[in-house]
Amino acid sequence: MSLSKEQQQNFEAFAARLGFQAGEHTATLSTEGFIKSANSKKRVLSKDPAKTTTPHKLISIGHIDALKAAIGASDDENDSHITYPAPLNLEANQKRRDLSSDQIHHLKRIAHAYIHGNPSKISESDKALINNTLFPTTLAAYSEPDYTVKTGEVLELHAGTVANYGVLTVEPGGEILVLGDASMNCQVFIQQS
């Protein structure tokens, strides 16, 4: 299937936000240093070089608004699907080492709501706390014009990955498995029956 001119432009604009040059895609990156899966039926997208089976671009993200922009999350007017956690009410200048594991988990839930919901519903102090404790971070970026998850294959996205596809096709018996906070953008998604 071919993309329309608008879809092609959207695909390329998303790839550019991820640091890919015009015409550069995951398949054109060097595979040196990447471990190929012994199970050829699984394609793993991970920022961990020991787990990934596909080369990626590692991009640095300095703050939550940059992450929101990189994955193309909008400030959706309809945020009924978002649960907004209670504010933490902590000083914004705290460091990650000063927070308990429960506070970090709660802060990650607030960050999720900020990214996928209406950011104006998150307090400025929580936003500052997110930026001070969860950033900077890195993402493993993948971009391909066309990819097919064949019958019996698994496309596995791990936490900290963002994948951009022009056309993503899933054949009968193919699977997409998302393990953690990952993002996928595709212009055309085809699930064959």
N, C-alpha and C. Protein backbone atom coordinates (compact mmCIF):
# COMPACT_ATOMS: atom_id res chain seq x y z
N MET A 1 0.84 -1.18 0.00
CA MET A 1 0.00 0.00 0.00
C MET A 1 0.89 1.24 0.00
N SER A 2 0.54 2.20 -0.79
CA SER A 2 1.29 3.44 -0.86
C SER A 2 0.64 4.49 0.04
N LEU A 3 1.47 5.34 0.61
CA LEU A 3 0.96 6.43 1.43
C LEU A 3 0.54 7.59 0.53
N SER A 4 -0.47 8.32 0.98
CA SER A 4 -0.83 9.54 0.27
C SER A 4 0.29 10.56 0.49
N LYS A 5 0.26 11.62 -0.25
CA LYS A 5 1.29 12.65 -0.10
C LYS A 5 1.29 13.20 1.32
N GLU A 6 0.11 13.44 1.88
CA GLU A 6 0.01 13.96 3.25
C GLU A 6 0.55 12.95 4.26
N GLN A 7 0.19 11.67 4.09
CA GLN A 7 0.69 10.64 5.00
C GLN A 7 2.21 10.52 4.92
N GLN A 8 2.76 10.60 3.72
CA GLN A 8 4.21 10.53 3.53
C GLN A 8 4.88 11.71 4.24
N GLN A 9 4.30 12.90 4.11
CA GLN A 9 4.85 14.08 4.78
C GLN A 9 4.78 13.93 6.29
N ASN A 10 3.67 13.39 6.80
CA ASN A 10 3.53 13.16 8.25
C ASN A 10 4.55 12.15 8.75
N PHE A 11 4.74 11.07 7.97
CA PHE A 11 5.73 10.06 8.34
C PHE A 11 7.12 10.67 8.40
N GLU A 12 7.49 11.43 7.38
CA GLU A 12 8.82 12.04 7.32
C GLU A 12 9.00 13.10 8.40
N ALA A 13 7.96 13.87 8.71
CA ALA A 13 8.05 14.88 9.77
C ALA A 13 8.28 14.21 11.13
N PHE A 14 7.59 13.10 11.37
CA PHE A 14 7.76 12.37 12.63
C PHE A 14 9.18 11.81 12.70
N ALA A 15 9.67 11.24 11.59
CA ALA A 15 11.03 10.71 11.55
C ALA A 15 12.04 11.81 11.83
N ALA A 16 11.82 12.99 11.28
CA ALA A 16 12.74 14.12 11.50
C ALA A 16 12.76 14.52 12.98
N ARG A 17 11.59 14.49 13.64
CA ARG A 17 11.55 14.81 15.08
C ARG A 17 12.39 13.81 15.89
N LEU A 18 12.52 12.60 15.35
CA LEU A 18 13.31 11.57 16.02
C LEU A 18 14.78 11.60 15.62
N GLY A 19 15.15 12.54 14.77
CA GLY A 19 16.55 12.69 14.40
C GLY A 19 16.97 11.98 13.13
N PHE A 20 16.03 11.42 12.38
CA PHE A 20 16.36 10.75 11.14
C PHE A 20 16.44 11.79 10.02
N GLN A 21 17.46 11.66 9.18
CA GLN A 21 17.60 12.51 8.01
C GLN A 21 16.66 12.00 6.91
N ALA A 22 16.38 12.84 5.92
CA ALA A 22 15.53 12.43 4.79
C ALA A 22 16.10 11.17 4.16
N GLY A 23 15.26 10.16 3.99
CA GLY A 23 15.69 8.90 3.38
C GLY A 23 16.40 7.94 4.32
N GLU A 24 16.69 8.37 5.53
CA GLU A 24 17.36 7.50 6.50
C GLU A 24 16.28 6.80 7.34
N HIS A 25 16.44 5.50 7.49
CA HIS A 25 15.49 4.73 8.28
C HIS A 25 16.24 3.68 9.08
N THR A 26 15.55 3.02 9.96
CA THR A 26 16.16 2.02 10.82
C THR A 26 16.96 1.01 10.02
N ALA A 27 16.42 0.56 8.90
CA ALA A 27 17.09 -0.46 8.09
C ALA A 27 18.41 0.04 7.51
N THR A 28 18.59 1.36 7.40
CA THR A 28 19.82 1.89 6.81
C THR A 28 20.90 2.15 7.86
N LEU A 29 20.58 2.01 9.14
CA LEU A 29 21.57 2.23 10.19
C LEU A 29 22.51 1.04 10.27
N SER A 30 23.72 1.28 10.73
CA SER A 30 24.69 0.21 10.91
C SER A 30 24.18 -0.77 11.96
N THR A 31 24.38 -2.05 11.72
CA THR A 31 23.98 -3.06 12.70
C THR A 31 25.13 -3.47 13.59
N GLU A 32 26.29 -2.84 13.44
CA GLU A 32 27.45 -3.17 14.25
C GLU A 32 27.13 -2.94 15.73
N GLY A 33 27.44 -3.90 16.57
CA GLY A 33 27.21 -3.76 18.00
C GLY A 33 25.85 -4.23 18.46
N PHE A 34 24.99 -4.65 17.54
CA PHE A 34 23.67 -5.11 17.93
C PHE A 34 23.62 -6.62 17.88
N ILE A 35 22.98 -7.21 18.87
CA ILE A 35 22.87 -8.66 18.97
C ILE A 35 21.63 -9.09 18.21
N LYS A 36 21.79 -10.03 17.34
CA LYS A 36 20.65 -10.57 16.61
C LYS A 36 20.02 -11.69 17.42
N SER A 37 18.72 -11.70 17.42
CA SER A 37 17.98 -12.69 18.19
C SER A 37 18.21 -14.09 17.64
N ALA A 38 18.39 -15.04 18.55
CA ALA A 38 18.50 -16.44 18.15
C ALA A 38 17.15 -16.91 17.61
N ASN A 39 16.08 -16.29 18.11
CA ASN A 39 14.74 -16.61 17.65
C ASN A 39 14.35 -15.59 16.59
N SER A 40 14.45 -15.96 15.32
CA SER A 40 14.18 -15.01 14.24
C SER A 40 12.71 -14.64 14.16
N LYS A 41 11.88 -15.23 14.99
CA LYS A 41 10.45 -14.94 14.99
C LYS A 41 10.12 -13.75 15.90
N LYS A 42 11.13 -13.14 16.52
CA LYS A 42 10.89 -12.02 17.41
C LYS A 42 11.78 -10.85 17.01
N ARG A 43 11.16 -9.68 16.86
CA ARG A 43 11.91 -8.46 16.60
C ARG A 43 11.75 -7.58 17.83
N VAL A 44 12.85 -7.32 18.50
CA VAL A 44 12.83 -6.58 19.76
C VAL A 44 13.35 -5.16 19.53
N LEU A 45 12.53 -4.18 19.93
CA LEU A 45 12.93 -2.78 19.91
C LEU A 45 13.18 -2.37 21.36
N SER A 46 14.43 -2.10 21.68
CA SER A 46 14.82 -1.76 23.04
C SER A 46 15.99 -0.81 23.00
N LYS A 47 16.10 0.04 24.02
CA LYS A 47 17.29 0.89 24.07
C LYS A 47 18.46 0.17 24.71
N ASP A 48 18.22 -1.01 25.23
CA ASP A 48 19.28 -1.84 25.80
C ASP A 48 19.95 -2.63 24.68
N PRO A 49 21.23 -2.34 24.38
CA PRO A 49 21.91 -3.03 23.27
C PRO A 49 21.95 -4.55 23.44
N ALA A 50 21.86 -5.04 24.67
CA ALA A 50 21.89 -6.48 24.90
C ALA A 50 20.56 -7.14 24.53
N LYS A 51 19.49 -6.35 24.43
CA LYS A 51 18.17 -6.91 24.13
C LYS A 51 17.69 -6.63 22.72
N THR A 52 18.07 -5.50 22.16
CA THR A 52 17.52 -5.12 20.86
C THR A 52 18.03 -6.03 19.75
N THR A 53 17.18 -6.25 18.76
CA THR A 53 17.58 -7.01 17.58
C THR A 53 17.64 -6.10 16.36
N THR A 54 17.41 -4.82 16.58
CA THR A 54 17.30 -3.86 15.49
C THR A 54 18.08 -2.60 15.85
N PRO A 55 18.88 -2.08 14.93
CA PRO A 55 19.59 -0.83 15.23
C PRO A 55 18.62 0.33 15.43
N HIS A 56 19.04 1.29 16.23
CA HIS A 56 18.18 2.44 16.53
C HIS A 56 19.03 3.70 16.62
N LYS A 57 18.34 4.81 16.68
CA LYS A 57 18.98 6.08 17.02
C LYS A 57 18.67 6.34 18.48
N LEU A 58 19.67 6.68 19.24
CA LEU A 58 19.47 7.04 20.63
C LEU A 58 19.34 8.56 20.69
N ILE A 59 18.20 9.04 21.17
CA ILE A 59 17.98 10.48 21.23
C ILE A 59 17.85 10.93 22.68
N SER A 60 18.41 12.07 22.95
CA SER A 60 18.38 12.64 24.30
C SER A 60 17.16 13.54 24.44
N ILE A 61 16.48 13.38 25.55
CA ILE A 61 15.28 14.17 25.85
C ILE A 61 15.54 14.92 27.15
N GLY A 62 15.50 16.26 27.07
CA GLY A 62 15.88 17.08 28.22
C GLY A 62 14.79 17.38 29.22
N HIS A 63 13.52 17.34 28.78
CA HIS A 63 12.41 17.67 29.69
C HIS A 63 11.12 17.07 29.17
N ILE A 64 10.08 17.10 29.98
CA ILE A 64 8.83 16.41 29.65
C ILE A 64 8.16 16.97 28.41
N ASP A 65 8.25 18.29 28.18
CA ASP A 65 7.63 18.85 26.97
C ASP A 65 8.35 18.36 25.71
N ALA A 66 9.65 18.14 25.79
CA ALA A 66 10.40 17.60 24.65
C ALA A 66 9.97 16.16 24.39
N LEU A 67 9.71 15.39 25.44
CA LEU A 67 9.23 14.02 25.27
C LEU A 67 7.85 14.02 24.63
N LYS A 68 6.98 14.89 25.11
CA LYS A 68 5.62 14.99 24.57
C LYS A 68 5.68 15.33 23.08
N ALA A 69 6.56 16.25 22.70
CA ALA A 69 6.71 16.64 21.29
C ALA A 69 7.33 15.50 20.48
N ALA A 70 8.33 14.82 21.03
CA ALA A 70 9.02 13.75 20.28
C ALA A 70 8.09 12.61 19.91
N ILE A 71 7.17 12.27 20.81
CA ILE A 71 6.26 11.15 20.51
C ILE A 71 4.98 11.62 19.84
N GLY A 72 4.84 12.92 19.65
CA GLY A 72 3.69 13.44 18.94
C GLY A 72 2.40 13.41 19.73
N ALA A 73 2.49 13.46 21.06
CA ALA A 73 1.30 13.46 21.90
C ALA A 73 0.63 14.83 21.84
N SER A 74 -0.68 14.83 21.68
CA SER A 74 -1.41 16.10 21.59
C SER A 74 -2.05 16.43 22.93
N ASP A 75 -2.48 17.67 23.05
CA ASP A 75 -3.23 18.11 24.22
C ASP A 75 -4.71 17.84 23.92
N ASP A 76 -5.08 16.58 24.01
CA ASP A 76 -6.42 16.16 23.60
C ASP A 76 -7.49 16.79 24.46
N GLU A 77 -8.47 17.37 23.81
CA GLU A 77 -9.61 17.96 24.52
C GLU A 77 -10.39 16.88 25.27
N ASN A 78 -10.52 15.70 24.67
CA ASN A 78 -11.24 14.61 25.31
C ASN A 78 -10.23 13.78 26.09
N ASP A 79 -10.11 14.06 27.37
CA ASP A 79 -9.15 13.33 28.20
C ASP A 79 -9.86 12.42 29.20
N SER A 80 -11.06 11.97 28.84
CA SER A 80 -11.82 11.12 29.76
C SER A 80 -11.13 9.78 30.02
N HIS A 81 -10.21 9.40 29.16
CA HIS A 81 -9.48 8.14 29.32
C HIS A 81 -8.26 8.28 30.25
N ILE A 82 -8.01 9.48 30.73
CA ILE A 82 -6.83 9.74 31.56
C ILE A 82 -7.23 9.82 33.03
N THR A 83 -6.46 9.17 33.87
CA THR A 83 -6.61 9.30 35.31
C THR A 83 -5.54 10.27 35.79
N TYR A 84 -5.97 11.36 36.38
CA TYR A 84 -5.03 12.37 36.88
C TYR A 84 -4.76 12.09 38.35
N PRO A 85 -3.55 11.62 38.67
CA PRO A 85 -3.21 11.35 40.07
C PRO A 85 -3.18 12.65 40.89
N ALA A 86 -3.35 12.50 42.18
CA ALA A 86 -3.26 13.65 43.08
C ALA A 86 -1.86 14.24 43.01
N PRO A 87 -1.73 15.56 43.17
CA PRO A 87 -0.39 16.16 43.17
C PRO A 87 0.45 15.61 44.32
N LEU A 88 1.75 15.62 44.14
CA LEU A 88 2.65 15.15 45.19
C LEU A 88 2.86 16.19 46.28
N ASN A 89 2.74 17.46 45.94
CA ASN A 89 2.93 18.54 46.91
C ASN A 89 4.31 18.48 47.56
N LEU A 90 5.32 18.26 46.75
CA LEU A 90 6.70 18.26 47.23
C LEU A 90 7.42 19.46 46.63
N GLU A 91 8.51 19.85 47.25
CA GLU A 91 9.31 20.94 46.68
C GLU A 91 9.85 20.52 45.32
N ALA A 92 9.75 21.43 44.37
CA ALA A 92 10.10 21.12 42.99
C ALA A 92 11.59 20.90 42.79
N ASN A 93 12.42 21.39 43.69
CA ASN A 93 13.87 21.28 43.48
C ASN A 93 14.48 20.01 44.05
N GLN A 94 13.65 19.05 44.45
CA GLN A 94 14.17 17.79 44.99
C GLN A 94 14.84 16.98 43.88
N LYS A 95 15.72 16.11 44.29
CA LYS A 95 16.41 15.21 43.37
C LYS A 95 15.82 13.81 43.51
N ARG A 96 16.04 12.99 42.51
CA ARG A 96 15.47 11.63 42.50
C ARG A 96 15.88 10.84 43.74
N ARG A 97 17.12 10.99 44.15
CA ARG A 97 17.62 10.23 45.31
C ARG A 97 16.88 10.59 46.61
N ASP A 98 16.20 11.76 46.61
CA ASP A 98 15.46 12.20 47.79
C ASP A 98 14.05 11.62 47.87
N LEU A 99 13.60 10.96 46.79
CA LEU A 99 12.24 10.44 46.74
C LEU A 99 12.21 8.94 47.03
N SER A 100 11.12 8.51 47.64
CA SER A 100 10.93 7.08 47.88
C SER A 100 10.51 6.41 46.57
N SER A 101 10.57 5.09 46.53
CA SER A 101 10.15 4.38 45.31
C SER A 101 8.66 4.60 45.05
N ASP A 102 7.84 4.71 46.09
CA ASP A 102 6.42 5.00 45.92
C ASP A 102 6.21 6.39 45.32
N GLN A 103 6.98 7.37 45.76
CA GLN A 103 6.87 8.72 45.22
C GLN A 103 7.31 8.77 43.75
N ILE A 104 8.36 8.03 43.41
CA ILE A 104 8.81 7.98 42.02
C ILE A 104 7.74 7.34 41.14
N HIS A 105 7.15 6.24 41.63
CA HIS A 105 6.08 5.57 40.88
C HIS A 105 4.89 6.53 40.69
N HIS A 106 4.52 7.25 41.73
CA HIS A 106 3.42 8.21 41.65
C HIS A 106 3.77 9.33 40.67
N LEU A 107 4.99 9.80 40.71
CA LEU A 107 5.43 10.86 39.81
C LEU A 107 5.40 10.39 38.35
N LYS A 108 5.74 9.15 38.12
CA LYS A 108 5.67 8.60 36.75
C LYS A 108 4.22 8.55 36.27
N ARG A 109 3.29 8.27 37.16
CA ARG A 109 1.87 8.29 36.79
C ARG A 109 1.42 9.71 36.45
N ILE A 110 1.92 10.69 37.19
CA ILE A 110 1.61 12.10 36.90
C ILE A 110 2.20 12.48 35.53
N ALA A 111 3.43 12.04 35.28
CA ALA A 111 4.09 12.33 33.99
C ALA A 111 3.30 11.71 32.84
N HIS A 112 2.79 10.50 33.03
CA HIS A 112 1.99 9.84 32.01
C HIS A 112 0.73 10.67 31.71
N ALA A 113 0.08 11.15 32.75
CA ALA A 113 -1.12 11.98 32.57
C ALA A 113 -0.76 13.28 31.86
N TYR A 114 0.38 13.86 32.19
CA TYR A 114 0.82 15.10 31.54
C TYR A 114 1.04 14.88 30.05
N ILE A 115 1.69 13.79 29.71
CA ILE A 115 2.03 13.51 28.31
C ILE A 115 0.79 13.16 27.49
N HIS A 116 -0.06 12.31 28.02
CA HIS A 116 -1.18 11.78 27.23
C HIS A 116 -2.50 12.48 27.48
N GLY A 117 -2.53 13.40 28.42
CA GLY A 117 -3.75 14.14 28.71
C GLY A 117 -3.57 15.62 28.51
N ASN A 118 -4.24 16.38 29.35
CA ASN A 118 -4.18 17.83 29.29
C ASN A 118 -3.13 18.31 30.28
N PRO A 119 -1.99 18.82 29.80
CA PRO A 119 -0.91 19.21 30.72
C PRO A 119 -1.30 20.33 31.68
N SER A 120 -2.31 21.11 31.34
CA SER A 120 -2.71 22.20 32.24
C SER A 120 -3.36 21.67 33.52
N LYS A 121 -3.70 20.38 33.55
CA LYS A 121 -4.29 19.78 34.75
C LYS A 121 -3.22 19.28 35.73
N ILE A 122 -1.95 19.46 35.37
CA ILE A 122 -0.83 19.06 36.24
C ILE A 122 -0.21 20.32 36.81
N SER A 123 0.04 20.31 38.10
CA SER A 123 0.58 21.51 38.76
C SER A 123 1.98 21.83 38.24
N GLU A 124 2.32 23.11 38.26
CA GLU A 124 3.65 23.55 37.83
C GLU A 124 4.74 22.95 38.72
N SER A 125 4.44 22.78 40.02
CA SER A 125 5.46 22.21 40.91
C SER A 125 5.70 20.73 40.58
N ASP A 126 4.63 19.99 40.23
CA ASP A 126 4.82 18.59 39.83
C ASP A 126 5.57 18.51 38.50
N LYS A 127 5.27 19.42 37.57
CA LYS A 127 5.99 19.44 36.29
C LYS A 127 7.48 19.69 36.54
N ALA A 128 7.79 20.65 37.39
CA ALA A 128 9.19 20.95 37.71
C ALA A 128 9.85 19.74 38.39
N LEU A 129 9.12 19.09 39.28
CA LEU A 129 9.64 17.91 39.96
C LEU A 129 9.91 16.78 38.95
N ILE A 130 9.01 16.61 38.00
CA ILE A 130 9.21 15.61 36.93
C ILE A 130 10.49 15.92 36.18
N ASN A 131 10.66 17.18 35.79
CA ASN A 131 11.85 17.56 35.03
C ASN A 131 13.14 17.41 35.84
N ASN A 132 13.07 17.63 37.14
CA ASN A 132 14.25 17.52 38.00
C ASN A 132 14.63 16.08 38.32
N THR A 133 13.65 15.18 38.31
CA THR A 133 13.92 13.82 38.77
C THR A 133 13.89 12.75 37.68
N LEU A 134 13.11 12.95 36.63
CA LEU A 134 12.97 11.94 35.59
C LEU A 134 13.72 12.29 34.30
N PHE A 135 14.26 13.48 34.25
CA PHE A 135 14.97 13.95 33.06
C PHE A 135 16.33 14.48 33.44
N PRO A 136 17.30 14.49 32.52
CA PRO A 136 17.19 14.04 31.14
C PRO A 136 17.09 12.52 31.04
N THR A 137 16.61 12.08 29.89
CA THR A 137 16.49 10.65 29.62
C THR A 137 16.81 10.42 28.15
N THR A 138 16.82 9.18 27.75
CA THR A 138 17.05 8.86 26.35
C THR A 138 15.92 7.97 25.84
N LEU A 139 15.71 8.02 24.54
CA LEU A 139 14.77 7.14 23.86
C LEU A 139 15.50 6.43 22.73
N ALA A 140 15.11 5.21 22.48
CA ALA A 140 15.59 4.50 21.30
C ALA A 140 14.55 4.73 20.21
N ALA A 141 14.97 5.37 19.11
CA ALA A 141 14.06 5.72 18.03
C ALA A 141 14.22 4.77 16.85
N TYR A 142 13.10 4.35 16.31
CA TYR A 142 13.04 3.47 15.15
C TYR A 142 12.12 4.10 14.12
N SER A 143 12.48 4.01 12.86
CA SER A 143 11.63 4.57 11.81
C SER A 143 11.78 3.75 10.54
N GLU A 144 10.64 3.28 10.01
CA GLU A 144 10.65 2.51 8.78
C GLU A 144 9.40 2.85 7.96
N PRO A 145 9.59 3.00 6.63
CA PRO A 145 8.43 3.32 5.80
C PRO A 145 7.39 2.20 5.79
N ASP A 146 7.84 0.95 5.77
CA ASP A 146 6.93 -0.20 5.74
C ASP A 146 7.50 -1.32 6.60
N TYR A 147 6.65 -1.95 7.36
CA TYR A 147 7.07 -3.14 8.10
C TYR A 147 5.88 -4.08 8.21
N THR A 148 6.16 -5.38 8.08
CA THR A 148 5.13 -6.39 8.22
C THR A 148 5.52 -7.35 9.33
N VAL A 149 4.62 -7.51 10.29
CA VAL A 149 4.77 -8.52 11.33
C VAL A 149 4.15 -9.78 10.74
N LYS A 150 4.99 -10.70 10.36
CA LYS A 150 4.53 -11.90 9.65
C LYS A 150 3.87 -12.89 10.60
N THR A 151 3.12 -13.81 10.03
CA THR A 151 2.46 -14.86 10.79
C THR A 151 3.48 -15.57 11.69
N GLY A 152 3.16 -15.67 12.98
CA GLY A 152 4.04 -16.34 13.93
C GLY A 152 5.14 -15.46 14.50
N GLU A 153 5.25 -14.23 14.01
CA GLU A 153 6.28 -13.31 14.51
C GLU A 153 5.71 -12.40 15.59
N VAL A 154 6.63 -11.85 16.39
CA VAL A 154 6.28 -10.90 17.44
C VAL A 154 7.13 -9.64 17.26
N LEU A 155 6.49 -8.49 17.26
CA LEU A 155 7.17 -7.20 17.32
C LEU A 155 7.06 -6.75 18.76
N GLU A 156 8.20 -6.63 19.45
CA GLU A 156 8.22 -6.36 20.88
C GLU A 156 8.82 -4.98 21.14
N LEU A 157 8.04 -4.09 21.73
CA LEU A 157 8.51 -2.74 22.07
C LEU A 157 8.76 -2.68 23.57
N HIS A 158 9.97 -2.32 23.94
CA HIS A 158 10.33 -2.20 25.35
C HIS A 158 10.21 -0.75 25.80
N ALA A 159 10.26 -0.55 27.10
CA ALA A 159 10.18 0.79 27.68
C ALA A 159 11.28 1.67 27.10
N GLY A 160 10.93 2.93 26.86
CA GLY A 160 11.92 3.88 26.38
C GLY A 160 12.14 3.83 24.88
N THR A 161 11.18 3.24 24.14
CA THR A 161 11.30 3.19 22.70
C THR A 161 10.16 3.96 22.04
N VAL A 162 10.46 4.50 20.86
CA VAL A 162 9.44 5.13 20.03
C VAL A 162 9.65 4.65 18.61
N ALA A 163 8.59 4.11 18.01
CA ALA A 163 8.67 3.54 16.66
C ALA A 163 7.77 4.34 15.73
N ASN A 164 8.26 4.60 14.53
CA ASN A 164 7.54 5.35 13.52
C ASN A 164 7.46 4.50 12.26
N TYR A 165 6.23 4.23 11.80
CA TYR A 165 6.03 3.44 10.59
C TYR A 165 5.14 4.21 9.62
N GLY A 166 5.44 4.05 8.34
CA GLY A 166 4.53 4.56 7.32
C GLY A 166 3.34 3.62 7.25
N VAL A 167 3.59 2.38 6.85
CA VAL A 167 2.57 1.34 6.81
C VAL A 167 3.03 0.21 7.72
N LEU A 168 2.22 -0.14 8.69
CA LEU A 168 2.50 -1.28 9.56
C LEU A 168 1.42 -2.31 9.32
N THR A 169 1.84 -3.50 8.89
CA THR A 169 0.90 -4.58 8.58
C THR A 169 1.14 -5.72 9.56
N VAL A 170 0.06 -6.26 10.10
CA VAL A 170 0.15 -7.43 10.99
C VAL A 170 -0.63 -8.55 10.32
N GLU A 171 0.10 -9.60 9.91
CA GLU A 171 -0.53 -10.76 9.29
C GLU A 171 -1.25 -11.58 10.35
N PRO A 172 -2.18 -12.46 9.95
CA PRO A 172 -2.86 -13.32 10.93
C PRO A 172 -1.82 -14.11 11.73
N GLY A 173 -1.96 -14.10 13.04
CA GLY A 173 -1.02 -14.82 13.90
C GLY A 173 0.22 -14.01 14.26
N GLY A 174 0.36 -12.82 13.70
CA GLY A 174 1.44 -11.91 14.10
C GLY A 174 1.01 -11.14 15.33
N GLU A 175 1.96 -10.73 16.15
CA GLU A 175 1.63 -10.04 17.39
C GLU A 175 2.51 -8.82 17.61
N ILE A 176 1.94 -7.82 18.28
CA ILE A 176 2.70 -6.68 18.77
C ILE A 176 2.59 -6.72 20.28
N LEU A 177 3.72 -6.73 20.95
CA LEU A 177 3.78 -6.82 22.40
C LEU A 177 4.48 -5.57 22.92
N VAL A 178 3.83 -4.84 23.82
CA VAL A 178 4.40 -3.62 24.39
C VAL A 178 4.74 -3.89 25.86
N LEU A 179 6.02 -3.75 26.19
CA LEU A 179 6.50 -4.02 27.54
C LEU A 179 7.01 -2.73 28.16
N GLY A 180 6.15 -1.99 28.81
CA GLY A 180 6.54 -0.73 29.44
C GLY A 180 6.08 0.46 28.62
N ASP A 181 6.55 1.64 29.03
CA ASP A 181 6.17 2.88 28.36
C ASP A 181 6.90 2.99 27.04
N ALA A 182 6.18 2.76 25.97
CA ALA A 182 6.71 2.85 24.61
C ALA A 182 5.67 3.57 23.77
N SER A 183 6.09 4.08 22.64
CA SER A 183 5.19 4.81 21.77
C SER A 183 5.35 4.33 20.34
N MET A 184 4.22 4.23 19.63
CA MET A 184 4.26 3.84 18.24
C MET A 184 3.38 4.78 17.43
N ASN A 185 3.91 5.22 16.30
CA ASN A 185 3.18 6.07 15.37
C ASN A 185 3.16 5.35 14.03
N CYS A 186 2.00 5.28 13.39
CA CYS A 186 1.97 4.76 12.03
C CYS A 186 0.88 5.50 11.26
N GLN A 187 1.17 5.74 10.00
CA GLN A 187 0.22 6.44 9.14
C GLN A 187 -0.91 5.51 8.71
N VAL A 188 -0.57 4.26 8.43
CA VAL A 188 -1.57 3.26 8.04
C VAL A 188 -1.27 1.98 8.82
N PHE A 189 -2.29 1.48 9.51
CA PHE A 189 -2.16 0.23 10.25
C PHE A 189 -3.11 -0.78 9.60
N ILE A 190 -2.55 -1.91 9.18
CA ILE A 190 -3.36 -2.94 8.53
C ILE A 190 -3.27 -4.21 9.37
N GLN A 191 -4.41 -4.68 9.85
CA GLN A 191 -4.46 -5.96 10.55
C GLN A 191 -5.22 -6.92 9.67
N GLN A 192 -4.48 -7.85 9.10
CA GLN A 192 -5.09 -8.80 8.19
C GLN A 192 -5.82 -9.88 9.00
N SER A 193 -6.95 -10.33 8.44
CA SER A 193 -7.72 -11.38 9.14
C SER A 193 -7.60 -12.68 8.44
